[in-house]
Amino acid sequence: DAAKYITYSSFMSINSDKPVRTKNEQEESPYPDNILTACFYEYFPHKGYIDTYDVGKDGTTTVWDEWQETDYLFYAHQYLRPCSILTREVQPNGDDVYSALMMNLPDTISYPEKVIPDKEHRIVSGIPRKAITFVEMSHRSDQHLISVFRHPIGIP
């Protein structure tokens, strides 16, 4: 609905330096429908796990990992992936760190070694605020709203 729509740039100007809401907080105060939480995270398929992993009855593996900054993490688009913020903790220095469930981007198929397997839930902890941002979802910008005024423009 056009009346409730907020542009990505307006949303970022208000929220870029605020704490990111957790999944539970978003149940009461959700982000706009066109905005998605995204995390910079480099998936290493054969890296040792910090804690353990758990195999569910359905064969799904939940893996816990620790976030780490790598050389090109903030400069390569394949490392920015959708994520669901699970927890937020305030560190003694006042900085927020998060844990999140990482997901795949549709275009990571061009980097098959960076795709989290379908049967794996990757939960990453120790994520700093600088590694979390917001992106506008595909086909959700204001040009795709049904209730906005559009009319044909004649070309002479």
C-alpha atoms as a PDB file:
ATOM      1  CA  ASP A   1       0.000   0.000   0.000  1.00  0.00           C
ATOM      2  CA  ALA A   2       1.435   3.362  -1.064  1.00  0.00           C
ATOM      3  CA  ALA A   3       0.252   5.129   2.100  1.00  0.00           C
ATOM      4  CA  LYS A   4       2.427   2.910   4.360  1.00  0.00           C
ATOM      5  CA  TYR A   5       5.394   2.657   2.006  1.00  0.00           C
ATOM      6  CA  ILE A   6       8.764   4.031   3.136  1.00  0.00           C
ATOM      7  CA  THR A   7      11.588   4.412   0.667  1.00  0.00           C
ATOM      8  CA  TYR A   8      14.824   2.572   1.273  1.00  0.00           C
ATOM      9  CA  SER A   9      16.808   5.817   1.510  1.00  0.00           C
ATOM     10  CA  SER A  10      14.373   7.271   4.083  1.00  0.00           C
ATOM     11  CA  PHE A  11      14.512   4.066   6.108  1.00  0.00           C
ATOM     12  CA  MET A  12      18.329   4.030   6.075  1.00  0.00           C
ATOM     13  CA  SER A  13      18.588   7.675   7.129  1.00  0.00           C
ATOM     14  CA  ILE A  14      16.503   6.850  10.212  1.00  0.00           C
ATOM     15  CA  ASN A  15      17.852   3.377  11.060  1.00  0.00           C
ATOM     16  CA  SER A  16      21.448   3.054   9.822  1.00  0.00           C
ATOM     17  CA  ASP A  17      23.010   3.644  13.239  1.00  0.00           C
ATOM     18  CA  LYS A  18      20.294   2.218  15.484  1.00  0.00           C
ATOM     19  CA  PRO A  19      20.388  -1.261  17.035  1.00  0.00           C
ATOM     20  CA  VAL A  20      18.936  -3.901  14.730  1.00  0.00           C
ATOM     21  CA  ARG A  21      15.710  -5.484  15.968  1.00  0.00           C
ATOM     22  CA  THR A  22      15.737  -9.191  16.736  1.00  0.00           C
ATOM     23  CA  LYS A  23      13.235 -11.610  15.216  1.00  0.00           C
ATOM     24  CA  ASN A  24      11.167 -11.462  18.433  1.00  0.00           C
ATOM     25  CA  GLU A  25      11.236  -7.642  18.536  1.00  0.00           C
ATOM     26  CA  GLN A  26      10.065  -7.535  14.928  1.00  0.00           C
ATOM     27  CA  GLU A  27       6.915  -9.456  15.855  1.00  0.00           C
ATOM     28  CA  GLU A  28       5.749  -6.378  17.799  1.00  0.00           C
ATOM     29  CA  SER A  29       7.501  -3.719  15.716  1.00  0.00           C
ATOM     30  CA  PRO A  30       8.252  -5.093  12.237  1.00  0.00           C
ATOM     31  CA  TYR A  31      10.365  -3.436   9.595  1.00  0.00           C
ATOM     32  CA  PRO A  32       8.554  -2.311   6.419  1.00  0.00           C
ATOM     33  CA  ASP A  33       7.594  -5.075   3.977  1.00  0.00           C
ATOM     34  CA  ASN A  34      10.081  -3.855   1.384  1.00  0.00           C
ATOM     35  CA  ILE A  35      13.103  -3.920   3.745  1.00  0.00           C
ATOM     36  CA  LEU A  36      15.215  -6.989   4.487  1.00  0.00           C
ATOM     37  CA  THR A  37      17.961  -7.474   7.078  1.00  0.00           C
ATOM     38  CA  ALA A  38      21.280  -8.533   5.528  1.00  0.00           C
ATOM     39  CA  CYS A  39      24.615  -9.561   7.045  1.00  0.00           C
ATOM     40  CA  PHE A  40      28.138  -9.567   5.686  1.00  0.00           C
ATOM     41  CA  TYR A  41      29.300 -13.128   6.254  1.00  0.00           C
ATOM     42  CA  GLU A  42      31.738 -15.372   4.439  1.00  0.00           C
ATOM     43  CA  TYR A  43      30.692 -19.010   4.495  1.00  0.00           C
ATOM     44  CA  PHE A  44      33.507 -21.542   4.785  1.00  0.00           C
ATOM     45  CA  PRO A  45      32.094 -25.041   4.156  1.00  0.00           C
ATOM     46  CA  HIS A  46      34.986 -26.980   5.688  1.00  0.00           C
ATOM     47  CA  LYS A  47      35.831 -24.694   8.595  1.00  0.00           C
ATOM     48  CA  GLY A  48      35.828 -26.162  12.091  1.00  0.00           C
ATOM     49  CA  TYR A  49      32.801 -25.224  14.164  1.00  0.00           C
ATOM     50  CA  ILE A  50      33.202 -23.134  17.326  1.00  0.00           C
ATOM     51  CA  ASP A  51      30.755 -25.095  19.395  1.00  0.00           C
ATOM     52  CA  THR A  52      29.034 -28.076  17.969  1.00  0.00           C
ATOM     53  CA  TYR A  53      26.409 -29.037  15.516  1.00  0.00           C
ATOM     54  CA  ASP A  54      23.077 -30.719  15.972  1.00  0.00           C
ATOM     55  CA  VAL A  55      21.345 -33.058  13.542  1.00  0.00           C
ATOM     56  CA  GLY A  56      17.556 -32.903  13.681  1.00  0.00           C
ATOM     57  CA  LYS A  57      15.117 -35.744  13.057  1.00  0.00           C
ATOM     58  CA  ASP A  58      14.511 -34.424   9.551  1.00  0.00           C
ATOM     59  CA  GLY A  59      18.233 -34.594   8.744  1.00  0.00           C
ATOM     60  CA  THR A  60      18.707 -30.836   8.996  1.00  0.00           C
ATOM     61  CA  THR A  61      21.989 -29.841  10.591  1.00  0.00           C
ATOM     62  CA  THR A  62      22.221 -26.736  12.775  1.00  0.00           C
ATOM     63  CA  VAL A  63      25.765 -25.376  12.851  1.00  0.00           C
ATOM     64  CA  TRP A  64      27.032 -22.668  15.202  1.00  0.00           C
ATOM     65  CA  ASP A  65      29.783 -20.462  13.850  1.00  0.00           C
ATOM     66  CA  GLU A  66      31.664 -17.349  14.990  1.00  0.00           C
ATOM     67  CA  TRP A  67      31.663 -14.273  12.736  1.00  0.00           C
ATOM     68  CA  GLN A  68      35.022 -13.163  11.439  1.00  0.00           C
ATOM     69  CA  GLU A  69      36.120 -10.262   9.297  1.00  0.00           C
ATOM     70  CA  THR A  70      38.039 -11.230   6.183  1.00  0.00           C
ATOM     71  CA  ASP A  71      39.965  -9.042   3.725  1.00  0.00           C
ATOM     72  CA  TYR A  72      37.230  -8.560   1.112  1.00  0.00           C
ATOM     73  CA  LEU A  73      34.157  -9.125   3.274  1.00  0.00           C
ATOM     74  CA  PHE A  74      32.704  -5.623   2.918  1.00  0.00           C
ATOM     75  CA  TYR A  75      33.717  -5.177  -0.733  1.00  0.00           C
ATOM     76  CA  ALA A  76      32.281  -8.247  -2.466  1.00  0.00           C
ATOM     77  CA  HIS A  77      28.526  -8.598  -2.969  1.00  0.00           C
ATOM     78  CA  GLN A  78      28.515 -12.392  -2.570  1.00  0.00           C
ATOM     79  CA  TYR A  79      29.222 -11.959   1.154  1.00  0.00           C
ATOM     80  CA  LEU A  80      26.099  -9.880   1.793  1.00  0.00           C
ATOM     81  CA  ARG A  81      23.317 -12.347   2.490  1.00  0.00           C
ATOM     82  CA  PRO A  82      19.836 -12.269   4.024  1.00  0.00           C
ATOM     83  CA  CYS A  83      19.874 -12.973   7.743  1.00  0.00           C
ATOM     84  CA  SER A  84      17.410 -13.233  10.599  1.00  0.00           C
ATOM     85  CA  ILE A  85      18.669 -11.548  13.774  1.00  0.00           C
ATOM     86  CA  LEU A  86      18.143 -13.915  16.711  1.00  0.00           C
ATOM     87  CA  THR A  87      19.836 -12.133  19.633  1.00  0.00           C
ATOM     88  CA  ARG A  88      21.482  -8.827  20.522  1.00  0.00           C
ATOM     89  CA  GLU A  89      23.935  -8.395  23.394  1.00  0.00           C
ATOM     90  CA  VAL A  90      25.579  -5.215  24.658  1.00  0.00           C
ATOM     91  CA  GLN A  91      29.321  -5.597  25.209  1.00  0.00           C
ATOM     92  CA  PRO A  92      31.154  -3.953  28.154  1.00  0.00           C
ATOM     93  CA  ASN A  93      32.408  -1.245  25.755  1.00  0.00           C
ATOM     94  CA  GLY A  94      28.790  -0.438  24.796  1.00  0.00           C
ATOM     95  CA  ASP A  95      28.872  -2.006  21.325  1.00  0.00           C
ATOM     96  CA  ASP A  96      26.088  -4.340  20.240  1.00  0.00           C
ATOM     97  CA  VAL A  97      26.903  -7.807  18.931  1.00  0.00           C
ATOM     98  CA  TYR A  98      24.353 -10.101  17.336  1.00  0.00           C
ATOM     99  CA  SER A  99      23.673 -13.710  16.472  1.00  0.00           C
ATOM    100  CA  ALA A 100      21.810 -14.476  13.271  1.00  0.00           C
ATOM    101  CA  LEU A 101      20.538 -17.270  11.079  1.00  0.00           C
ATOM    102  CA  MET A 102      22.278 -16.903   7.698  1.00  0.00           C
ATOM    103  CA  MET A 103      20.527 -17.577   4.412  1.00  0.00           C
ATOM    104  CA  ASN A 104      21.584 -17.712   0.773  1.00  0.00           C
ATOM    105  CA  LEU A 105      21.175 -15.049  -1.846  1.00  0.00           C
ATOM    106  CA  PRO A 106      19.672 -16.261  -5.119  1.00  0.00           C
ATOM    107  CA  ASP A 107      22.733 -15.050  -7.063  1.00  0.00           C
ATOM    108  CA  THR A 108      25.273 -16.950  -4.935  1.00  0.00           C
ATOM    109  CA  ILE A 109      24.802 -19.815  -7.375  1.00  0.00           C
ATOM    110  CA  SER A 110      27.655 -18.250  -9.373  1.00  0.00           C
ATOM    111  CA  TYR A 111      29.812 -18.971  -6.308  1.00  0.00           C
ATOM    112  CA  PRO A 112      28.742 -22.546  -5.454  1.00  0.00           C
ATOM    113  CA  GLU A 113      31.397 -22.840  -2.747  1.00  0.00           C
ATOM    114  CA  LYS A 114      29.674 -19.976  -0.875  1.00  0.00           C
ATOM    115  CA  VAL A 115      26.192 -21.555  -0.836  1.00  0.00           C
ATOM    116  CA  ILE A 116      25.007 -22.847   2.528  1.00  0.00           C
ATOM    117  CA  PRO A 117      23.527 -26.317   1.889  1.00  0.00           C
ATOM    118  CA  ASP A 118      19.725 -26.591   1.971  1.00  0.00           C
ATOM    119  CA  LYS A 119      19.854 -29.040   4.876  1.00  0.00           C
ATOM    120  CA  GLU A 120      22.049 -26.773   7.002  1.00  0.00           C
ATOM    121  CA  HIS A 121      20.982 -23.986   9.350  1.00  0.00           C
ATOM    122  CA  ARG A 122      23.996 -21.727   9.929  1.00  0.00           C
ATOM    123  CA  ILE A 123      23.737 -19.682  13.148  1.00  0.00           C
ATOM    124  CA  VAL A 124      26.527 -17.135  13.463  1.00  0.00           C
ATOM    125  CA  SER A 125      27.367 -15.265  16.661  1.00  0.00           C
ATOM    126  CA  GLY A 126      29.596 -12.301  17.451  1.00  0.00           C
ATOM    127  CA  ILE A 127      28.351 -10.214  14.522  1.00  0.00           C
ATOM    128  CA  PRO A 128      29.172  -6.508  14.995  1.00  0.00           C
ATOM    129  CA  ARG A 129      26.630  -3.830  14.037  1.00  0.00           C
ATOM    130  CA  LYS A 130      28.842  -2.700  11.135  1.00  0.00           C
ATOM    131  CA  ALA A 131      28.309  -6.118   9.486  1.00  0.00           C
ATOM    132  CA  ILE A 132      24.504  -5.767   9.446  1.00  0.00           C
ATOM    133  CA  THR A 133      22.624  -3.568   7.030  1.00  0.00           C
ATOM    134  CA  PHE A 134      19.272  -3.319   5.330  1.00  0.00           C
ATOM    135  CA  VAL A 135      18.474  -3.944   1.679  1.00  0.00           C
ATOM    136  CA  GLU A 136      15.408  -3.321  -0.406  1.00  0.00           C
ATOM    137  CA  MET A 137      13.736  -6.527  -1.509  1.00  0.00           C
ATOM    138  CA  SER A 138      13.461  -7.254  -5.221  1.00  0.00           C
ATOM    139  CA  HIS A 139      10.269  -6.017  -6.865  1.00  0.00           C
ATOM    140  CA  ARG A 140       9.238  -4.125  -3.708  1.00  0.00           C
ATOM    141  CA  SER A 141      10.300  -0.588  -4.615  1.00  0.00           C
ATOM    142  CA  ASP A 142       7.635   2.098  -5.024  1.00  0.00           C
ATOM    143  CA  GLN A 143       7.452   1.528  -8.781  1.00  0.00           C
ATOM    144  CA  HIS A 144       5.868  -1.873  -8.060  1.00  0.00           C
ATOM    145  CA  LEU A 145       3.097  -0.617  -5.762  1.00  0.00           C
ATOM    146  CA  ILE A 146      -0.390  -1.256  -7.111  1.00  0.00           C
ATOM    147  CA  SER A 147      -2.015   1.861  -5.692  1.00  0.00           C
ATOM    148  CA  VAL A 148       0.419   4.426  -7.101  1.00  0.00           C
ATOM    149  CA  PHE A 149      -0.655   6.638  -9.963  1.00  0.00           C
ATOM    150  CA  ARG A 150       0.749   5.713 -13.349  1.00  0.00           C
ATOM    151  CA  HIS A 151      -0.308   6.881 -16.763  1.00  0.00           C
ATOM    152  CA  PRO A 152       1.045   6.371 -20.262  1.00  0.00           C
ATOM    153  CA  ILE A 153       3.324   9.054 -21.624  1.00  0.00           C
ATOM    154  CA  GLY A 154       2.949   9.739 -25.309  1.00  0.00           C
ATOM    155  CA  ILE A 155       6.087  10.177 -27.356  1.00  0.00           C
ATOM    156  CA  PRO A 156       5.654  12.580 -30.260  1.00  0.00           C
END
